[in-house]
Amino acid sequence: MKRKILYSILVMVMALPTTIIAQSPVTPIIYKEWTFLGENSQNIEIEYRIIKCETIAQVHLFIFNESQSDKNVQLIIEITNKEDN
């Protein structure tokens, strides 16, 4: 019984490095670094970047409120691709 437990633990320890490598995140491809879009009259800054993680292209938004009070912001986002209009 003790031998089976020891073998089980040994197998798990040996399999651990391959499990960690398989779960490690893929380094994203950065198509466009953070770009400043502007600042509105309420002191809210907006930046964006375009990256690709594995097979999915993503647009990241960074919205920063410079004032000390809470604000509600409404955004209309239009994403176009020049290649296929």
C-alpha atoms as a PDB file:
ATOM      1  CA  MET A   1       0.000   0.000   0.000  1.00  0.00           C
ATOM      2  CA  LYS A   2       2.769   2.439   0.923  1.00  0.00           C
ATOM      3  CA  ARG A   3       4.631   1.520  -2.245  1.00  0.00           C
ATOM      4  CA  LYS A   4       1.588   2.395  -4.403  1.00  0.00           C
ATOM      5  CA  ILE A   5       1.268   5.785  -2.709  1.00  0.00           C
ATOM      6  CA  LEU A   6       4.983   6.426  -3.182  1.00  0.00           C
ATOM      7  CA  TYR A   7       4.772   5.519  -6.888  1.00  0.00           C
ATOM      8  CA  SER A   8       1.711   7.751  -7.315  1.00  0.00           C
ATOM      9  CA  ILE A   9       3.509  10.704  -5.740  1.00  0.00           C
ATOM     10  CA  LEU A  10       6.585  10.032  -7.856  1.00  0.00           C
ATOM     11  CA  VAL A  11       4.518   9.992 -11.073  1.00  0.00           C
ATOM     12  CA  MET A  12       2.800  13.263 -10.129  1.00  0.00           C
ATOM     13  CA  VAL A  13       6.123  14.967  -9.396  1.00  0.00           C
ATOM     14  CA  MET A  14       7.577  13.771 -12.695  1.00  0.00           C
ATOM     15  CA  ALA A  15       4.517  14.980 -14.639  1.00  0.00           C
ATOM     16  CA  LEU A  16       4.485  18.415 -12.988  1.00  0.00           C
ATOM     17  CA  PRO A  17       6.985  20.177 -15.336  1.00  0.00           C
ATOM     18  CA  THR A  18       5.055  19.169 -18.475  1.00  0.00           C
ATOM     19  CA  THR A  19       1.807  20.355 -16.884  1.00  0.00           C
ATOM     20  CA  ILE A  20       3.319  23.735 -16.038  1.00  0.00           C
ATOM     21  CA  ILE A  21       4.729  24.181 -19.566  1.00  0.00           C
ATOM     22  CA  ALA A  22       1.384  23.259 -21.128  1.00  0.00           C
ATOM     23  CA  GLN A  23      -0.440  25.866 -19.025  1.00  0.00           C
ATOM     24  CA  SER A  24       2.047  28.707 -19.466  1.00  0.00           C
ATOM     25  CA  PRO A  25       0.526  31.722 -21.247  1.00  0.00           C
ATOM     26  CA  VAL A  26       1.504  32.575 -24.789  1.00  0.00           C
ATOM     27  CA  THR A  27       3.342  35.859 -25.242  1.00  0.00           C
ATOM     28  CA  PRO A  28       0.998  38.226 -27.086  1.00  0.00           C
ATOM     29  CA  ILE A  29       1.935  39.811 -30.406  1.00  0.00           C
ATOM     30  CA  ILE A  30       1.576  43.583 -30.109  1.00  0.00           C
ATOM     31  CA  TYR A  31       0.327  45.084 -33.366  1.00  0.00           C
ATOM     32  CA  LYS A  32      -0.040  48.609 -32.006  1.00  0.00           C
ATOM     33  CA  GLU A  33       1.235  49.884 -28.647  1.00  0.00           C
ATOM     34  CA  TRP A  34      -0.851  52.102 -26.349  1.00  0.00           C
ATOM     35  CA  THR A  35      -2.143  55.043 -28.366  1.00  0.00           C
ATOM     36  CA  PHE A  36      -3.708  58.123 -26.772  1.00  0.00           C
ATOM     37  CA  LEU A  37      -7.194  58.793 -28.133  1.00  0.00           C
ATOM     38  CA  GLY A  38      -7.903  61.926 -26.174  1.00  0.00           C
ATOM     39  CA  GLU A  39      -9.276  63.434 -23.015  1.00  0.00           C
ATOM     40  CA  ASN A  40     -12.841  64.618 -22.595  1.00  0.00           C
ATOM     41  CA  SER A  41     -14.104  67.654 -20.677  1.00  0.00           C
ATOM     42  CA  GLN A  42     -14.582  65.542 -17.521  1.00  0.00           C
ATOM     43  CA  ASN A  43     -10.836  64.690 -17.345  1.00  0.00           C
ATOM     44  CA  ILE A  44     -11.192  61.109 -18.512  1.00  0.00           C
ATOM     45  CA  GLU A  45      -8.330  59.836 -20.677  1.00  0.00           C
ATOM     46  CA  ILE A  46      -8.742  56.991 -23.148  1.00  0.00           C
ATOM     47  CA  GLU A  47      -5.984  54.902 -24.722  1.00  0.00           C
ATOM     48  CA  TYR A  48      -6.094  51.728 -26.804  1.00  0.00           C
ATOM     49  CA  ARG A  49      -3.798  49.013 -28.125  1.00  0.00           C
ATOM     50  CA  ILE A  50      -4.195  46.128 -30.561  1.00  0.00           C
ATOM     51  CA  ILE A  51      -2.698  42.733 -29.742  1.00  0.00           C
ATOM     52  CA  LYS A  52      -3.033  39.100 -30.724  1.00  0.00           C
ATOM     53  CA  CYS A  53      -3.164  36.376 -28.065  1.00  0.00           C
ATOM     54  CA  GLU A  54      -2.798  32.912 -29.557  1.00  0.00           C
ATOM     55  CA  THR A  55      -5.245  33.158 -32.497  1.00  0.00           C
ATOM     56  CA  ILE A  56      -7.526  35.983 -31.339  1.00  0.00           C
ATOM     57  CA  ALA A  57      -6.949  39.649 -32.211  1.00  0.00           C
ATOM     58  CA  GLN A  58      -7.979  41.941 -29.357  1.00  0.00           C
ATOM     59  CA  VAL A  59      -8.478  45.661 -28.780  1.00  0.00           C
ATOM     60  CA  HIS A  60      -7.649  46.764 -25.222  1.00  0.00           C
ATOM     61  CA  LEU A  61      -9.038  50.009 -23.840  1.00  0.00           C
ATOM     62  CA  PHE A  62      -7.466  51.928 -20.956  1.00  0.00           C
ATOM     63  CA  ILE A  63      -9.850  54.435 -19.401  1.00  0.00           C
ATOM     64  CA  PHE A  64      -8.440  56.658 -16.660  1.00  0.00           C
ATOM     65  CA  ASN A  65     -10.454  59.042 -14.499  1.00  0.00           C
ATOM     66  CA  GLU A  66      -8.160  61.917 -13.418  1.00  0.00           C
ATOM     67  CA  SER A  67     -10.707  63.526 -11.099  1.00  0.00           C
ATOM     68  CA  GLN A  68     -11.402  62.381  -7.554  1.00  0.00           C
ATOM     69  CA  SER A  69     -15.140  61.954  -8.070  1.00  0.00           C
ATOM     70  CA  ASP A  70     -16.868  58.950  -9.624  1.00  0.00           C
ATOM     71  CA  LYS A  71     -18.075  59.464 -13.181  1.00  0.00           C
ATOM     72  CA  ASN A  72     -20.341  57.688 -15.613  1.00  0.00           C
ATOM     73  CA  VAL A  73     -18.966  57.507 -19.132  1.00  0.00           C
ATOM     74  CA  GLN A  74     -20.715  56.339 -22.262  1.00  0.00           C
ATOM     75  CA  LEU A  75     -18.552  55.193 -25.171  1.00  0.00           C
ATOM     76  CA  ILE A  76     -19.462  54.444 -28.744  1.00  0.00           C
ATOM     77  CA  ILE A  77     -16.780  52.233 -30.269  1.00  0.00           C
ATOM     78  CA  GLU A  78     -16.502  51.667 -33.998  1.00  0.00           C
ATOM     79  CA  ILE A  79     -13.863  49.232 -35.229  1.00  0.00           C
ATOM     80  CA  THR A  80     -13.131  49.114 -38.951  1.00  0.00           C
ATOM     81  CA  ASN A  81     -10.784  46.999 -41.016  1.00  0.00           C
ATOM     82  CA  LYS A  82      -9.295  48.857 -43.977  1.00  0.00           C
ATOM     83  CA  GLU A  83      -8.529  45.599 -45.809  1.00  0.00           C
ATOM     84  CA  ASP A  84     -12.134  44.441 -46.197  1.00  0.00           C
ATOM     85  CA  ASN A  85     -13.961  47.744 -45.550  1.00  0.00           C
END
